[in-house]
PDB file of N, CA and C in Angstrom:
ATOM      1  N   UNK A   1      -8.889 -59.873 -38.243  1.00  0.00           N
ATOM      2  CA  UNK A   1      -7.685 -60.812 -38.113  1.00  0.00           C
ATOM      3  C   UNK A   1      -7.376 -60.618 -36.898  1.00  0.00           C
ATOM      4  N   UNK A   2      -6.308 -61.595 -36.468  1.00  0.00           N
ATOM      5  CA  UNK A   2      -5.680 -61.349 -34.860  1.00  0.00           C
ATOM      6  C   UNK A   2      -4.398 -60.745 -35.675  1.00  0.00           C
ATOM      7  N   UNK A   3      -3.761 -60.181 -34.508  1.00  0.00           N
ATOM      8  CA  UNK A   3      -2.602 -59.360 -34.836  1.00  0.00           C
ATOM      9  C   UNK A   3      -1.708 -60.633 -34.355  1.00  0.00           C
ATOM     10  N   UNK A   4       0.021 -60.205 -35.054  1.00  0.00           N
ATOM     11  CA  UNK A   4       0.783 -61.519 -34.750  1.00  0.00           C
ATOM     12  C   UNK A   4       0.594 -62.758 -34.423  1.00  0.00           C
ATOM     13  N   UNK A   5       0.082 -63.201 -35.495  1.00  0.00           N
ATOM     14  CA  UNK A   5      -0.124 -64.397 -35.894  1.00  0.00           C
ATOM     15  C   UNK A   5       0.795 -64.896 -36.571  1.00  0.00           C
ATOM     16  N   UNK A   6       0.993 -64.845 -37.515  1.00  0.00           N
ATOM     17  CA  UNK A   6       2.300 -65.259 -38.537  1.00  0.00           C
ATOM     18  C   UNK A   6       3.166 -64.471 -38.339  1.00  0.00           C
ATOM     19  N   UNK A   7       4.378 -65.655 -38.640  1.00  0.00           N
ATOM     20  CA  UNK A   7       5.963 -65.125 -38.384  1.00  0.00           C
ATOM     21  C   UNK A   7       6.483 -63.722 -39.179  1.00  0.00           C
ATOM     22  N   UNK A   8       7.081 -63.194 -38.645  1.00  0.00           N
ATOM     23  CA  UNK A   8       8.078 -61.909 -39.337  1.00  0.00           C
ATOM     24  C   UNK A   8       9.054 -62.318 -40.136  1.00  0.00           C
ATOM     25  N   UNK A   9       9.528 -63.206 -39.930  1.00  0.00           N
ATOM     26  CA  UNK A   9      10.749 -63.601 -40.536  1.00  0.00           C
ATOM     27  C   UNK A   9      11.108 -64.551 -42.069  1.00  0.00           C
ATOM     28  N   UNK A  10       9.906 -63.981 -42.721  1.00  0.00           N
ATOM     29  CA  UNK A  10      10.047 -64.652 -43.960  1.00  0.00           C
ATOM     30  C   UNK A  10      11.049 -64.259 -44.995  1.00  0.00           C
ATOM     31  N   UNK A  11      11.708 -65.054 -45.532  1.00  0.00           N
ATOM     32  CA  UNK A  11      12.893 -64.742 -46.175  1.00  0.00           C
ATOM     33  C   UNK A  11      13.165 -65.865 -47.578  1.00  0.00           C
ATOM     34  N   UNK A  12      13.949 -65.310 -48.324  1.00  0.00           N
ATOM     35  CA  UNK A  12      14.327 -66.577 -49.556  1.00  0.00           C
ATOM     36  C   UNK A  12      15.283 -67.196 -49.471  1.00  0.00           C
ATOM     37  N   UNK A  13      14.741 -68.598 -49.608  1.00  0.00           N
ATOM     38  CA  UNK A  13      15.182 -70.040 -49.021  1.00  0.00           C
ATOM     39  C   UNK A  13      15.642 -70.841 -50.499  1.00  0.00           C
ATOM     40  N   UNK A  14      16.501 -71.263 -50.196  1.00  0.00           N
ATOM     41  CA  UNK A  14      17.107 -72.503 -51.499  1.00  0.00           C
ATOM     42  C   UNK A  14      16.611 -73.793 -50.957  1.00  0.00           C
ATOM     43  N   UNK A  15      15.724 -74.444 -51.950  1.00  0.00           N
ATOM     44  CA  UNK A  15      15.587 -75.692 -51.492  1.00  0.00           C
ATOM     45  C   UNK A  15      16.349 -76.658 -52.503  1.00  0.00           C
ATOM     46  N   UNK A  16      17.154 -77.814 -52.022  1.00  0.00           N
ATOM     47  CA  UNK A  16      17.695 -78.587 -53.004  1.00  0.00           C
ATOM     48  C   UNK A  16      17.316 -79.774 -52.857  1.00  0.00           C
ATOM     49  N   UNK A  17      16.775 -80.419 -54.028  1.00  0.00           N
ATOM     50  CA  UNK A  17      16.371 -82.175 -54.302  1.00  0.00           C
ATOM     51  C   UNK A  17      17.764 -82.567 -54.042  1.00  0.00           C
ATOM     52  N   UNK A  18      17.706 -83.621 -53.710  1.00  0.00           N
ATOM     53  CA  UNK A  18      19.321 -84.333 -53.347  1.00  0.00           C
ATOM     54  C   UNK A  18      19.099 -85.702 -54.556  1.00  0.00           C
ATOM     55  N   UNK A  19      17.743 -85.992 -54.663  1.00  0.00           N
ATOM     56  CA  UNK A  19      18.047 -86.970 -55.913  1.00  0.00           C
ATOM     57  C   UNK A  19      18.262 -86.638 -57.481  1.00  0.00           C
ATOM     58  N   UNK A  20      17.926 -85.685 -57.544  1.00  0.00           N
ATOM     59  CA  UNK A  20      18.182 -84.658 -59.367  1.00  0.00           C
ATOM     60  C   UNK A  20      19.025 -83.439 -59.138  1.00  0.00           C
ATOM     61  N   UNK A  21      19.609 -83.066 -58.016  1.00  0.00           N
ATOM     62  CA  UNK A  21      20.277 -81.570 -57.788  1.00  0.00           C
ATOM     63  C   UNK A  21      19.466 -80.633 -58.398  1.00  0.00           C
ATOM     64  N   UNK A  22      17.734 -80.564 -58.289  1.00  0.00           N
ATOM     65  CA  UNK A  22      17.100 -79.201 -58.677  1.00  0.00           C
ATOM     66  C   UNK A  22      17.051 -78.158 -57.254  1.00  0.00           C
ATOM     67  N   UNK A  23      17.556 -77.616 -57.888  1.00  0.00           N
ATOM     68  CA  UNK A  23      17.377 -76.162 -56.846  1.00  0.00           C
ATOM     69  C   UNK A  23      16.423 -74.917 -56.906  1.00  0.00           C
ATOM     70  N   UNK A  24      15.399 -74.875 -55.898  1.00  0.00           N
ATOM     71  CA  UNK A  24      14.269 -73.608 -56.334  1.00  0.00           C
ATOM     72  C   UNK A  24      14.527 -72.933 -55.029  1.00  0.00           C
ATOM     73  N   UNK A  25      14.105 -71.727 -55.710  1.00  0.00           N
ATOM     74  CA  UNK A  25      14.223 -70.433 -54.456  1.00  0.00           C
ATOM     75  C   UNK A  25      12.367 -70.413 -54.080  1.00  0.00           C
ATOM     76  N   UNK A  26      12.251 -70.228 -52.366  1.00  0.00           N
ATOM     77  CA  UNK A  26      11.046 -69.850 -52.200  1.00  0.00           C
ATOM     78  C   UNK A  26      11.092 -69.247 -51.255  1.00  0.00           C
ATOM     79  N   UNK A  27      10.054 -68.418 -50.479  1.00  0.00           N
ATOM     80  CA  UNK A  27       9.719 -67.987 -48.931  1.00  0.00           C
ATOM     81  C   UNK A  27       9.771 -68.671 -48.299  1.00  0.00           C
ATOM     82  N   UNK A  28      10.443 -68.958 -46.872  1.00  0.00           N
ATOM     83  CA  UNK A  28      10.084 -69.934 -45.877  1.00  0.00           C
ATOM     84  C   UNK A  28      10.672 -68.992 -44.603  1.00  0.00           C
ATOM     85  N   UNK A  29      10.518 -69.814 -43.572  1.00  0.00           N
ATOM     86  CA  UNK A  29      10.994 -69.094 -42.360  1.00  0.00           C
ATOM     87  C   UNK A  29      11.610 -70.192 -41.511  1.00  0.00           C
ATOM     88  N   UNK A  30      11.596 -71.534 -42.434  1.00  0.00           N
ATOM     89  CA  UNK A  30      12.801 -72.675 -41.711  1.00  0.00           C
ATOM     90  C   UNK A  30      13.877 -72.242 -41.523  1.00  0.00           C
ATOM     91  N   UNK A  31      14.276 -73.013 -40.310  1.00  0.00           N
ATOM     92  CA  UNK A  31      15.574 -72.545 -40.176  1.00  0.00           C
ATOM     93  C   UNK A  31      16.838 -73.533 -40.693  1.00  0.00           C
ATOM     94  N   UNK A  32      17.879 -73.194 -41.093  1.00  0.00           N
ATOM     95  CA  UNK A  32      18.875 -74.195 -41.859  1.00  0.00           C
ATOM     96  C   UNK A  32      20.187 -73.518 -41.391  1.00  0.00           C
ATOM     97  N   UNK A  33      21.047 -74.696 -41.586  1.00  0.00           N
ATOM     98  CA  UNK A  33      22.197 -74.774 -41.176  1.00  0.00           C
ATOM     99  C   UNK A  33      23.278 -74.422 -42.263  1.00  0.00           C
ATOM    100  N   UNK A  34      22.994 -74.558 -43.770  1.00  0.00           N
ATOM    101  CA  UNK A  34      23.626 -74.565 -44.703  1.00  0.00           C
ATOM    102  C   UNK A  34      23.540 -73.360 -45.513  1.00  0.00           C
ATOM    103  N   UNK A  35      24.240 -73.098 -46.129  1.00  0.00           N
ATOM    104  CA  UNK A  35      24.112 -71.944 -47.018  1.00  0.00           C
ATOM    105  C   UNK A  35      24.662 -72.491 -48.424  1.00  0.00           C
ATOM    106  N   UNK A  36      23.784 -71.855 -49.647  1.00  0.00           N
ATOM    107  CA  UNK A  36      24.422 -71.944 -51.059  1.00  0.00           C
ATOM    108  C   UNK A  36      24.215 -70.524 -51.626  1.00  0.00           C
ATOM    109  N   UNK A  37      25.549 -70.749 -52.683  1.00  0.00           N
ATOM    110  CA  UNK A  37      25.697 -69.179 -53.450  1.00  0.00           C
ATOM    111  C   UNK A  37      24.768 -69.508 -55.006  1.00  0.00           C
ATOM    112  N   UNK A  38      23.737 -68.770 -55.102  1.00  0.00           N
ATOM    113  CA  UNK A  38      23.047 -68.862 -56.466  1.00  0.00           C
ATOM    114  C   UNK A  38      22.845 -67.309 -57.080  1.00  0.00           C
ATOM    115  N   UNK A  39      23.769 -67.125 -58.220  1.00  0.00           N
ATOM    116  CA  UNK A  39      24.123 -66.233 -58.858  1.00  0.00           C
ATOM    117  C   UNK A  39      24.286 -64.719 -58.153  1.00  0.00           C
ATOM    118  N   UNK A  40      25.255 -65.418 -57.652  1.00  0.00           N
ATOM    119  CA  UNK A  40      26.182 -64.248 -56.669  1.00  0.00           C
ATOM    120  C   UNK A  40      25.339 -63.737 -55.123  1.00  0.00           C
ATOM    121  N   UNK A  41      24.458 -64.506 -55.168  1.00  0.00           N
ATOM    122  CA  UNK A  41      23.657 -64.152 -54.013  1.00  0.00           C
ATOM    123  C   UNK A  41      23.925 -65.553 -53.023  1.00  0.00           C
ATOM    124  N   UNK A  42      23.577 -65.191 -51.640  1.00  0.00           N
ATOM    125  CA  UNK A  42      23.693 -66.496 -50.484  1.00  0.00           C
ATOM    126  C   UNK A  42      22.465 -66.710 -49.740  1.00  0.00           C
ATOM    127  N   UNK A  43      22.027 -67.925 -50.304  1.00  0.00           N
ATOM    128  CA  UNK A  43      20.943 -68.245 -49.422  1.00  0.00           C
ATOM    129  C   UNK A  43      21.004 -69.416 -48.350  1.00  0.00           C
ATOM    130  N   UNK A  44      19.968 -69.323 -47.888  1.00  0.00           N
ATOM    131  CA  UNK A  44      20.208 -70.881 -46.552  1.00  0.00           C
ATOM    132  C   UNK A  44      19.229 -71.889 -47.417  1.00  0.00           C
ATOM    133  N   UNK A  45      19.916 -73.111 -47.118  1.00  0.00           N
ATOM    134  CA  UNK A  45      19.683 -74.199 -47.803  1.00  0.00           C
ATOM    135  C   UNK A  45      19.161 -75.481 -46.798  1.00  0.00           C
ATOM    136  N   UNK A  46      18.254 -76.022 -47.367  1.00  0.00           N
ATOM    137  CA  UNK A  46      17.311 -77.008 -47.158  1.00  0.00           C
ATOM    138  C   UNK A  46      17.379 -77.886 -48.085  1.00  0.00           C
ATOM    139  N   UNK A  47      17.903 -79.057 -47.789  1.00  0.00           N
ATOM    140  CA  UNK A  47      18.195 -80.487 -48.306  1.00  0.00           C
ATOM    141  C   UNK A  47      16.897 -81.497 -48.511  1.00  0.00           C
ATOM    142  N   UNK A  48      16.494 -81.645 -49.733  1.00  0.00           N
ATOM    143  CA  UNK A  48      15.479 -82.695 -49.450  1.00  0.00           C
ATOM    144  C   UNK A  48      15.439 -83.748 -50.373  1.00  0.00           C
ATOM    145  N   UNK A  49      14.794 -84.775 -49.994  1.00  0.00           N
ATOM    146  CA  UNK A  49      15.068 -86.430 -50.527  1.00  0.00           C
ATOM    147  C   UNK A  49      14.123 -86.226 -51.927  1.00  0.00           C
ATOM    148  N   UNK A  50      12.975 -85.835 -51.609  1.00  0.00           N
ATOM    149  CA  UNK A  50      11.830 -85.497 -52.933  1.00  0.00           C
ATOM    150  C   UNK A  50      11.394 -84.520 -52.897  1.00  0.00           C
ATOM    151  N   UNK A  51      10.995 -84.266 -54.209  1.00  0.00           N
ATOM    152  CA  UNK A  51      10.392 -82.663 -54.622  1.00  0.00           C
ATOM    153  C   UNK A  51       9.759 -82.832 -55.638  1.00  0.00           C
ATOM    154  N   UNK A  52       8.684 -81.770 -56.493  1.00  0.00           N
ATOM    155  CA  UNK A  52       7.890 -81.995 -57.131  1.00  0.00           C
ATOM    156  C   UNK A  52       8.755 -82.487 -58.831  1.00  0.00           C
ATOM    157  N   UNK A  53      10.216 -82.039 -58.514  1.00  0.00           N
ATOM    158  CA  UNK A  53      10.628 -82.565 -59.820  1.00  0.00           C
ATOM    159  C   UNK A  53      11.140 -83.677 -60.201  1.00  0.00           C
ATOM    160  N   UNK A  54      11.236 -84.821 -58.587  1.00  0.00           N
ATOM    161  CA  UNK A  54      11.620 -86.468 -58.822  1.00  0.00           C
ATOM    162  C   UNK A  54      10.354 -86.896 -58.351  1.00  0.00           C
ATOM    163  N   UNK A  55       9.303 -86.436 -57.830  1.00  0.00           N
ATOM    164  CA  UNK A  55       8.283 -87.734 -57.446  1.00  0.00           C
ATOM    165  C   UNK A  55       7.354 -88.227 -58.433  1.00  0.00           C
ATOM    166  N   UNK A  56       7.549 -89.211 -58.201  1.00  0.00           N
ATOM    167  CA  UNK A  56       6.330 -89.928 -59.487  1.00  0.00           C
ATOM    168  C   UNK A  56       5.185 -89.225 -59.961  1.00  0.00           C
ATOM    169  N   UNK A  57       4.728 -89.076 -58.946  1.00  0.00           N
ATOM    170  CA  UNK A  57       2.995 -88.553 -59.191  1.00  0.00           C
ATOM    171  C   UNK A  57       3.314 -87.238 -60.101  1.00  0.00           C
ATOM    172  N   UNK A  58       4.102 -86.289 -59.912  1.00  0.00           N
ATOM    173  CA  UNK A  58       4.502 -85.036 -60.669  1.00  0.00           C
ATOM    174  C   UNK A  58       5.310 -85.318 -61.851  1.00  0.00           C
ATOM    175  N   UNK A  59       6.016 -86.246 -62.056  1.00  0.00           N
ATOM    176  CA  UNK A  59       6.851 -86.546 -63.202  1.00  0.00           C
ATOM    177  C   UNK A  59       6.040 -87.151 -64.381  1.00  0.00           C
ATOM    178  N   UNK A  60       5.300 -87.936 -63.440  1.00  0.00           N
ATOM    179  CA  UNK A  60       4.224 -89.185 -64.432  1.00  0.00           C
ATOM    180  C   UNK A  60       5.418 -90.335 -64.757  1.00  0.00           C
ATOM    181  N   UNK A  61       6.474 -90.742 -64.485  1.00  0.00           N
ATOM    182  CA  UNK A  61       7.051 -91.788 -64.445  1.00  0.00           C
ATOM    183  C   UNK A  61       7.380 -92.365 -62.878  1.00  0.00           C
ATOM    184  N   UNK A  62       6.415 -93.516 -63.670  1.00  0.00           N
ATOM    185  CA  UNK A  62       6.685 -94.575 -62.192  1.00  0.00           C
ATOM    186  C   UNK A  62       7.723 -95.574 -62.408  1.00  0.00           C
ATOM    187  N   UNK A  63       8.168 -96.238 -61.227  1.00  0.00           N
ATOM    188  CA  UNK A  63       8.831 -97.524 -61.381  1.00  0.00           C
ATOM    189  C   UNK A  63       8.156 -98.550 -60.773  1.00  0.00           C
ATOM    190  N   UNK A  64       8.788 -99.742 -61.682  1.00  0.00           N
ATOM    191  CA  UNK A  64       8.288-101.175 -61.995  1.00  0.00           C
ATOM    192  C   UNK A  64       8.670-101.500 -60.844  1.00  0.00           C
ATOM    193  N   UNK A  65       7.660-102.398 -59.670  1.00  0.00           N
ATOM    194  CA  UNK A  65       8.607-102.792 -59.023  1.00  0.00           C
ATOM    195  C   UNK A  65       7.862-104.615 -58.843  1.00  0.00           C
ATOM    196  N   UNK A  66       9.041-105.514 -58.945  1.00  0.00           N
ATOM    197  CA  UNK A  66       8.436-106.943 -58.702  1.00  0.00           C
ATOM    198  C   UNK A  66       7.840-107.224 -57.690  1.00  0.00           C
ATOM    199  N   UNK A  67       6.530-107.338 -57.589  1.00  0.00           N
ATOM    200  CA  UNK A  67       5.889-107.515 -56.113  1.00  0.00           C
ATOM    201  C   UNK A  67       5.746-108.966 -55.939  1.00  0.00           C
ATOM    202  N   UNK A  68       5.631-109.635 -57.100  1.00  0.00           N
ATOM    203  CA  UNK A  68       5.850-111.379 -57.262  1.00  0.00           C
ATOM    204  C   UNK A  68       6.651-111.443 -56.724  1.00  0.00           C
ATOM    205  N   UNK A  69       7.789-111.236 -57.189  1.00  0.00           N
ATOM    206  CA  UNK A  69       9.171-111.565 -56.564  1.00  0.00           C
ATOM    207  C   UNK A  69       9.376-111.626 -55.393  1.00  0.00           C
ATOM    208  N   UNK A  70       9.084-110.655 -54.819  1.00  0.00           N
ATOM    209  CA  UNK A  70       9.039-109.944 -53.628  1.00  0.00           C
ATOM    210  C   UNK A  70       8.205-110.977 -52.392  1.00  0.00           C
ATOM    211  N   UNK A  71       7.183-111.151 -52.947  1.00  0.00           N
ATOM    212  CA  UNK A  71       5.926-112.231 -52.097  1.00  0.00           C
ATOM    213  C   UNK A  71       6.860-113.473 -51.906  1.00  0.00           C
ATOM    214  N   UNK A  72       7.133-114.141 -53.131  1.00  0.00           N
ATOM    215  CA  UNK A  72       7.615-115.214 -53.247  1.00  0.00           C
ATOM    216  C   UNK A  72       8.777-115.687 -52.618  1.00  0.00           C
ATOM    217  N   UNK A  73       9.682-114.481 -52.200  1.00  0.00           N
ATOM    218  CA  UNK A  73      11.332-114.758 -51.602  1.00  0.00           C
ATOM    219  C   UNK A  73      10.560-114.380 -50.164  1.00  0.00           C
ATOM    220  N   UNK A  74       9.628-114.016 -49.942  1.00  0.00           N
ATOM    221  CA  UNK A  74       9.226-113.635 -48.482  1.00  0.00           C
ATOM    222  C   UNK A  74       8.771-114.997 -47.830  1.00  0.00           C
ATOM    223  N   UNK A  75       7.949-115.932 -48.711  1.00  0.00           N
ATOM    224  CA  UNK A  75       7.409-116.867 -48.688  1.00  0.00           C
ATOM    225  C   UNK A  75       8.612-117.986 -48.455  1.00  0.00           C
ATOM    226  N   UNK A  76       9.384-118.075 -49.167  1.00  0.00           N
ATOM    227  CA  UNK A  76      10.765-118.963 -48.847  1.00  0.00           C
ATOM    228  C   UNK A  76      11.674-119.055 -47.898  1.00  0.00           C
ATOM    229  N   UNK A  77      11.660-117.387 -47.639  1.00  0.00           N
ATOM    230  CA  UNK A  77      12.596-117.099 -46.071  1.00  0.00           C
ATOM    231  C   UNK A  77      11.785-117.478 -44.893  1.00  0.00           C
ATOM    232  N   UNK A  78      10.707-117.284 -45.133  1.00  0.00           N
ATOM    233  CA  UNK A  78       9.730-117.838 -43.604  1.00  0.00           C
ATOM    234  C   UNK A  78       8.743-118.949 -43.796  1.00  0.00           C
ATOM    235  N   UNK A  79       9.259-119.522 -44.369  1.00  0.00           N
ATOM    236  CA  UNK A  79       8.734-121.423 -44.557  1.00  0.00           C
ATOM    237  C   UNK A  79       9.178-122.217 -43.685  1.00  0.00           C
ATOM    238  N   UNK A  80      10.672-122.033 -43.318  1.00  0.00           N
ATOM    239  CA  UNK A  80      11.311-123.422 -42.299  1.00  0.00           C
ATOM    240  C   UNK A  80      10.615-122.791 -40.699  1.00  0.00           C
ATOM    241  N   UNK A  81      10.081-121.385 -40.872  1.00  0.00           N
ATOM    242  CA  UNK A  81       9.234-121.219 -39.110  1.00  0.00           C
ATOM    243  C   UNK A  81       7.884-121.487 -39.349  1.00  0.00           C
ATOM    244  N   UNK A  82       7.318-122.196 -40.193  1.00  0.00           N
ATOM    245  CA  UNK A  82       5.862-122.882 -40.571  1.00  0.00           C
ATOM    246  C   UNK A  82       5.487-124.452 -39.429  1.00  0.00           C
ATOM    247  N   UNK A  83       4.738-124.342 -39.004  1.00  0.00           N
ATOM    248  CA  UNK A  83       4.776-125.601 -38.216  1.00  0.00           C
ATOM    249  C   UNK A  83       4.120-126.627 -38.896  1.00  0.00           C
TER     250      UNK A  83
END
């Protein structure tokens, strides 16, 4: 194996899902500007918009999208440009 390929600065980092406020700790080398206090210890904080706790694939909860209504709205909006 090659030497000096992997970074040396692995540390515990807190990742926070902003959609459901879930926080989980894992090792990472990501740079973080904010910190968070968890159980009396301070960790670098990375904010996420979606994670395994809020993604529909992992939760099994899908959102119903009214595609027919969207298509009709689109056609009505751009019908005036039709020649």
